[in-house]
């Protein structure tokens, strides 16, 4: 049995490349996890900012 599924193995390195803080990642990972399956790979993670300076994550 694998220790980490495909989503976890690809999401965490992608967030590091995007230079996202641990707080931001922790806040968004549960939402993104519900939208992606265990076998889905993350190709890109990007920081998105709204006009009100609210920060979001696009994966």
PDB file of N, CA and C in Angstrom:
ATOM      1  N   UNK A   1       0.842  -1.183   0.000  1.00  0.00           N
ATOM      2  CA  UNK A   1       0.000   0.000   0.000  1.00  0.00           C
ATOM      3  C   UNK A   1       0.884   1.241   0.000  1.00  0.00           C
ATOM      4  N   UNK A   2       0.515   2.211  -0.808  1.00  0.00           N
ATOM      5  CA  UNK A   2       1.299   3.435  -0.891  1.00  0.00           C
ATOM      6  C   UNK A   2       1.025   4.343   0.304  1.00  0.00           C
ATOM      7  N   UNK A   3       2.063   5.028   0.765  1.00  0.00           N
ATOM      8  CA  UNK A   3       1.914   5.914   1.915  1.00  0.00           C
ATOM      9  C   UNK A   3       1.082   7.144   1.548  1.00  0.00           C
ATOM     10  N   UNK A   4       1.301   7.696   0.351  1.00  0.00           N
ATOM     11  CA  UNK A   4       0.564   8.873  -0.094  1.00  0.00           C
ATOM     12  C   UNK A   4      -0.106   8.578  -1.432  1.00  0.00           C
ATOM     13  N   UNK A   5      -1.316   9.092  -1.601  1.00  0.00           N
ATOM     14  CA  UNK A   5      -1.979   8.923  -2.885  1.00  0.00           C
ATOM     15  C   UNK A   5      -1.409   9.925  -3.896  1.00  0.00           C
ATOM     16  N   UNK A   6      -1.829   9.805  -5.146  1.00  0.00           N
ATOM     17  CA  UNK A   6      -1.298  10.650  -6.218  1.00  0.00           C
ATOM     18  C   UNK A   6      -1.546  12.124  -5.956  1.00  0.00           C
ATOM     19  N   UNK A   7      -2.726  12.460  -5.464  1.00  0.00           N
ATOM     20  CA  UNK A   7      -3.033  13.865  -5.179  1.00  0.00           C
ATOM     21  C   UNK A   7      -2.031  14.439  -4.174  1.00  0.00           C
ATOM     22  N   UNK A   8      -1.815  13.748  -3.082  1.00  0.00           N
ATOM     23  CA  UNK A   8      -0.896  14.241  -2.046  1.00  0.00           C
ATOM     24  C   UNK A   8       0.540  14.335  -2.548  1.00  0.00           C
ATOM     25  N   UNK A   9       0.976  13.346  -3.309  1.00  0.00           N
ATOM     26  CA  UNK A   9       2.347  13.356  -3.825  1.00  0.00           C
ATOM     27  C   UNK A   9       2.594  14.498  -4.807  1.00  0.00           C
ATOM     28  N   UNK A  10       1.572  14.929  -5.515  1.00  0.00           N
ATOM     29  CA  UNK A  10       1.760  15.987  -6.518  1.00  0.00           C
ATOM     30  C   UNK A  10       1.344  17.365  -6.022  1.00  0.00           C
ATOM     31  N   UNK A  11       0.393  17.439  -5.095  1.00  0.00           N
ATOM     32  CA  UNK A  11      -0.088  18.734  -4.595  1.00  0.00           C
ATOM     33  C   UNK A  11       0.968  19.439  -3.746  1.00  0.00           C
ATOM     34  N   UNK A  12       1.560  18.728  -2.833  1.00  0.00           N
ATOM     35  CA  UNK A  12       2.526  19.359  -1.926  1.00  0.00           C
ATOM     36  C   UNK A  12       3.741  19.937  -2.656  1.00  0.00           C
ATOM     37  N   UNK A  13       4.378  19.224  -3.582  1.00  0.00           N
ATOM     38  CA  UNK A  13       5.483  19.835  -4.332  1.00  0.00           C
ATOM     39  C   UNK A  13       5.033  21.022  -5.194  1.00  0.00           C
ATOM     40  N   UNK A  14       3.810  20.941  -5.741  1.00  0.00           N
ATOM     41  CA  UNK A  14       3.300  22.050  -6.557  1.00  0.00           C
ATOM     42  C   UNK A  14       3.090  23.305  -5.715  1.00  0.00           C
ATOM     43  N   UNK A  15       2.640  23.150  -4.485  1.00  0.00           N
ATOM     44  CA  UNK A  15       2.461  24.321  -3.623  1.00  0.00           C
ATOM     45  C   UNK A  15       3.812  24.921  -3.237  1.00  0.00           C
ATOM     46  N   UNK A  16       4.828  24.078  -3.097  1.00  0.00           N
ATOM     47  CA  UNK A  16       6.172  24.586  -2.794  1.00  0.00           C
ATOM     48  C   UNK A  16       6.720  25.385  -3.976  1.00  0.00           C
ATOM     49  N   UNK A  17       6.501  24.897  -5.187  1.00  0.00           N
ATOM     50  CA  UNK A  17       6.949  25.630  -6.376  1.00  0.00           C
ATOM     51  C   UNK A  17       6.218  26.965  -6.533  1.00  0.00           C
ATOM     52  N   UNK A  18       4.956  26.998  -6.106  1.00  0.00           N
ATOM     53  CA  UNK A  18       4.171  28.231  -6.181  1.00  0.00           C
ATOM     54  C   UNK A  18       4.492  29.178  -5.027  1.00  0.00           C
ATOM     55  N   UNK A  19       5.335  28.725  -4.101  1.00  0.00           N
ATOM     56  CA  UNK A  19       5.749  29.509  -2.934  1.00  0.00           C
ATOM     57  C   UNK A  19       4.561  29.940  -2.071  1.00  0.00           C
ATOM     58  N   UNK A  20       3.644  29.001  -1.853  1.00  0.00           N
ATOM     59  CA  UNK A  20       2.491  29.258  -1.000  1.00  0.00           C
ATOM     60  C   UNK A  20       2.857  28.964   0.449  1.00  0.00           C
ATOM     61  N   UNK A  21       2.323  29.733   1.347  1.00  0.00           N
ATOM     62  CA  UNK A  21       2.596  29.514   2.769  1.00  0.00           C
ATOM     63  C   UNK A  21       1.847  28.280   3.262  1.00  0.00           C
ATOM     64  N   UNK A  22       2.338  27.705   4.320  1.00  0.00           N
ATOM     65  CA  UNK A  22       1.694  26.533   4.914  1.00  0.00           C
ATOM     66  C   UNK A  22       0.274  26.825   5.359  1.00  0.00           C
ATOM     67  N   UNK A  23       0.034  28.043   5.830  1.00  0.00           N
ATOM     68  CA  UNK A  23      -1.299  28.449   6.263  1.00  0.00           C
ATOM     69  C   UNK A  23      -2.271  28.441   5.091  1.00  0.00           C
ATOM     70  N   UNK A  24      -1.841  28.978   3.969  1.00  0.00           N
ATOM     71  CA  UNK A  24      -2.687  29.013   2.774  1.00  0.00           C
ATOM     72  C   UNK A  24      -2.981  27.604   2.288  1.00  0.00           C
ATOM     73  N   UNK A  25      -1.971  26.766   2.260  1.00  0.00           N
ATOM     74  CA  UNK A  25      -2.141  25.384   1.806  1.00  0.00           C
ATOM     75  C   UNK A  25      -3.112  24.651   2.725  1.00  0.00           C
ATOM     76  N   UNK A  26      -2.938  24.774   4.019  1.00  0.00           N
ATOM     77  CA  UNK A  26      -3.801  24.087   4.979  1.00  0.00           C
ATOM     78  C   UNK A  26      -5.255  24.542   4.843  1.00  0.00           C
ATOM     79  N   UNK A  27      -5.445  25.808   4.543  1.00  0.00           N
ATOM     80  CA  UNK A  27      -6.795  26.355   4.424  1.00  0.00           C
ATOM     81  C   UNK A  27      -7.513  25.836   3.175  1.00  0.00           C
ATOM     82  N   UNK A  28      -6.780  25.546   2.123  1.00  0.00           N
ATOM     83  CA  UNK A  28      -7.397  25.152   0.855  1.00  0.00           C
ATOM     84  C   UNK A  28      -7.366  23.657   0.565  1.00  0.00           C
ATOM     85  N   UNK A  29      -6.495  22.908   1.196  1.00  0.00           N
ATOM     86  CA  UNK A  29      -6.315  21.503   0.833  1.00  0.00           C
ATOM     87  C   UNK A  29      -7.583  20.678   1.018  1.00  0.00           C
ATOM     88  N   UNK A  30      -8.350  20.922   2.055  1.00  0.00           N
ATOM     89  CA  UNK A  30      -9.560  20.128   2.278  1.00  0.00           C
ATOM     90  C   UNK A  30     -10.608  20.367   1.197  1.00  0.00           C
ATOM     91  N   UNK A  31     -10.735  21.601   0.754  1.00  0.00           N
ATOM     92  CA  UNK A  31     -11.686  21.916  -0.312  1.00  0.00           C
ATOM     93  C   UNK A  31     -11.243  21.269  -1.617  1.00  0.00           C
ATOM     94  N   UNK A  32      -9.966  21.426  -1.950  1.00  0.00           N
ATOM     95  CA  UNK A  32      -9.444  20.850  -3.185  1.00  0.00           C
ATOM     96  C   UNK A  32      -9.491  19.325  -3.144  1.00  0.00           C
ATOM     97  N   UNK A  33      -9.262  18.760  -1.994  1.00  0.00           N
ATOM     98  CA  UNK A  33      -9.282  17.299  -1.823  1.00  0.00           C
ATOM     99  C   UNK A  33     -10.671  16.749  -2.149  1.00  0.00           C
ATOM    100  N   UNK A  34     -11.729  17.493  -1.780  1.00  0.00           N
ATOM    101  CA  UNK A  34     -13.093  17.044  -2.077  1.00  0.00           C
ATOM    102  C   UNK A  34     -13.385  17.052  -3.573  1.00  0.00           C
ATOM    103  N   UNK A  35     -12.697  17.906  -4.314  1.00  0.00           N
ATOM    104  CA  UNK A  35     -12.929  18.036  -5.757  1.00  0.00           C
ATOM    105  C   UNK A  35     -12.071  17.085  -6.580  1.00  0.00           C
ATOM    106  N   UNK A  36     -11.007  16.585  -6.010  1.00  0.00           N
ATOM    107  CA  UNK A  36     -10.078  15.713  -6.738  1.00  0.00           C
ATOM    108  C   UNK A  36     -10.107  14.312  -6.146  1.00  0.00           C
ATOM    109  N   UNK A  37      -9.943  13.339  -6.989  1.00  0.00           N
ATOM    110  CA  UNK A  37      -9.877  11.960  -6.522  1.00  0.00           C
ATOM    111  C   UNK A  37      -8.473  11.613  -6.062  1.00  0.00           C
ATOM    112  N   UNK A  38      -8.343  10.461  -5.432  1.00  0.00           N
ATOM    113  CA  UNK A  38      -7.039  10.017  -4.945  1.00  0.00           C
ATOM    114  C   UNK A  38      -6.037   9.800  -6.071  1.00  0.00           C
ATOM    115  N   UNK A  39      -6.531   9.454  -7.255  1.00  0.00           N
ATOM    116  CA  UNK A  39      -5.642   9.172  -8.378  1.00  0.00           C
ATOM    117  C   UNK A  39      -5.410  10.384  -9.273  1.00  0.00           C
ATOM    118  N   UNK A  40      -6.046  11.513  -8.970  1.00  0.00           N
ATOM    119  CA  UNK A  40      -5.857  12.729  -9.768  1.00  0.00           C
ATOM    120  C   UNK A  40      -4.541  13.401  -9.400  1.00  0.00           C
ATOM    121  N   UNK A  41      -3.767  13.732 -10.424  1.00  0.00           N
ATOM    122  CA  UNK A  41      -2.483  14.411 -10.204  1.00  0.00           C
ATOM    123  C   UNK A  41      -2.670  15.921 -10.351  1.00  0.00           C
ATOM    124  N   UNK A  42      -1.947  16.673  -9.558  1.00  0.00           N
ATOM    125  CA  UNK A  42      -1.974  18.132  -9.632  1.00  0.00           C
ATOM    126  C   UNK A  42      -0.840  18.567 -10.548  1.00  0.00           C
ATOM    127  N   UNK A  43      -1.175  19.302 -11.592  1.00  0.00           N
ATOM    128  CA  UNK A  43      -0.164  19.756 -12.542  1.00  0.00           C
ATOM    129  C   UNK A  43       0.303  21.171 -12.222  1.00  0.00           C
ATOM    130  N   UNK A  44      -0.619  22.024 -11.787  1.00  0.00           N
ATOM    131  CA  UNK A  44      -0.292  23.430 -11.541  1.00  0.00           C
ATOM    132  C   UNK A  44      -1.045  23.914 -10.311  1.00  0.00           C
ATOM    133  N   UNK A  45      -0.377  24.708  -9.502  1.00  0.00           N
ATOM    134  CA  UNK A  45      -1.012  25.410  -8.387  1.00  0.00           C
ATOM    135  C   UNK A  45      -0.620  26.867  -8.525  1.00  0.00           C
ATOM    136  N   UNK A  46      -1.599  27.742  -8.457  1.00  0.00           N
ATOM    137  CA  UNK A  46      -1.318  29.170  -8.604  1.00  0.00           C
ATOM    138  C   UNK A  46      -2.061  29.969  -7.543  1.00  0.00           C
ATOM    139  N   UNK A  47      -1.466  31.055  -7.137  1.00  0.00           N
ATOM    140  CA  UNK A  47      -2.095  31.970  -6.193  1.00  0.00           C
ATOM    141  C   UNK A  47      -2.954  32.941  -6.997  1.00  0.00           C
ATOM    142  N   UNK A  48      -4.180  33.130  -6.572  1.00  0.00           N
ATOM    143  CA  UNK A  48      -5.095  34.066  -7.227  1.00  0.00           C
ATOM    144  C   UNK A  48      -5.498  35.119  -6.198  1.00  0.00           C
ATOM    145  N   UNK A  49      -5.514  36.362  -6.596  1.00  0.00           N
ATOM    146  CA  UNK A  49      -5.884  37.453  -5.695  1.00  0.00           C
ATOM    147  C   UNK A  49      -7.061  38.217  -6.289  1.00  0.00           C
ATOM    148  N   UNK A  50      -8.083  38.457  -5.490  1.00  0.00           N
ATOM    149  CA  UNK A  50      -9.236  39.221  -5.935  1.00  0.00           C
ATOM    150  C   UNK A  50      -8.976  40.709  -5.736  1.00  0.00           C
ATOM    151  N   UNK A  51      -9.884  41.526  -6.192  1.00  0.00           N
ATOM    152  CA  UNK A  51      -9.731  42.978  -6.031  1.00  0.00           C
ATOM    153  C   UNK A  51      -9.633  43.381  -4.562  1.00  0.00           C
ATOM    154  N   UNK A  52     -10.320  42.652  -3.719  1.00  0.00           N
ATOM    155  CA  UNK A  52     -10.288  42.927  -2.288  1.00  0.00           C
ATOM    156  C   UNK A  52      -9.061  42.349  -1.594  1.00  0.00           C
ATOM    157  N   UNK A  53      -8.090  41.886  -2.385  1.00  0.00           N
ATOM    158  CA  UNK A  53      -6.834  41.311  -1.889  1.00  0.00           C
ATOM    159  C   UNK A  53      -7.038  39.986  -1.178  1.00  0.00           C
ATOM    160  N   UNK A  54      -8.180  39.364  -1.367  1.00  0.00           N
ATOM    161  CA  UNK A  54      -8.403  38.055  -0.786  1.00  0.00           C
ATOM    162  C   UNK A  54      -7.614  37.031  -1.587  1.00  0.00           C
ATOM    163  N   UNK A  55      -6.904  36.158  -0.910  1.00  0.00           N
ATOM    164  CA  UNK A  55      -6.052  35.177  -1.581  1.00  0.00           C
ATOM    165  C   UNK A  55      -6.763  33.836  -1.691  1.00  0.00           C
ATOM    166  N   UNK A  56      -6.668  33.257  -2.861  1.00  0.00           N
ATOM    167  CA  UNK A  56      -7.245  31.951  -3.142  1.00  0.00           C
ATOM    168  C   UNK A  56      -6.205  31.104  -3.851  1.00  0.00           C
ATOM    169  N   UNK A  57      -6.467  29.837  -3.979  1.00  0.00           N
ATOM    170  CA  UNK A  57      -5.560  28.915  -4.650  1.00  0.00           C
ATOM    171  C   UNK A  57      -6.308  28.245  -5.792  1.00  0.00           C
ATOM    172  N   UNK A  58      -5.669  28.197  -6.936  1.00  0.00           N
ATOM    173  CA  UNK A  58      -6.201  27.506  -8.107  1.00  0.00           C
ATOM    174  C   UNK A  58      -5.319  26.298  -8.362  1.00  0.00           C
ATOM    175  N   UNK A  59      -5.919  25.110  -8.387  1.00  0.00           N
ATOM    176  CA  UNK A  59      -5.148  23.878  -8.641  1.00  0.00           C
ATOM    177  C   UNK A  59      -5.761  23.127  -9.790  1.00  0.00           C
TER     178      UNK A  59
END
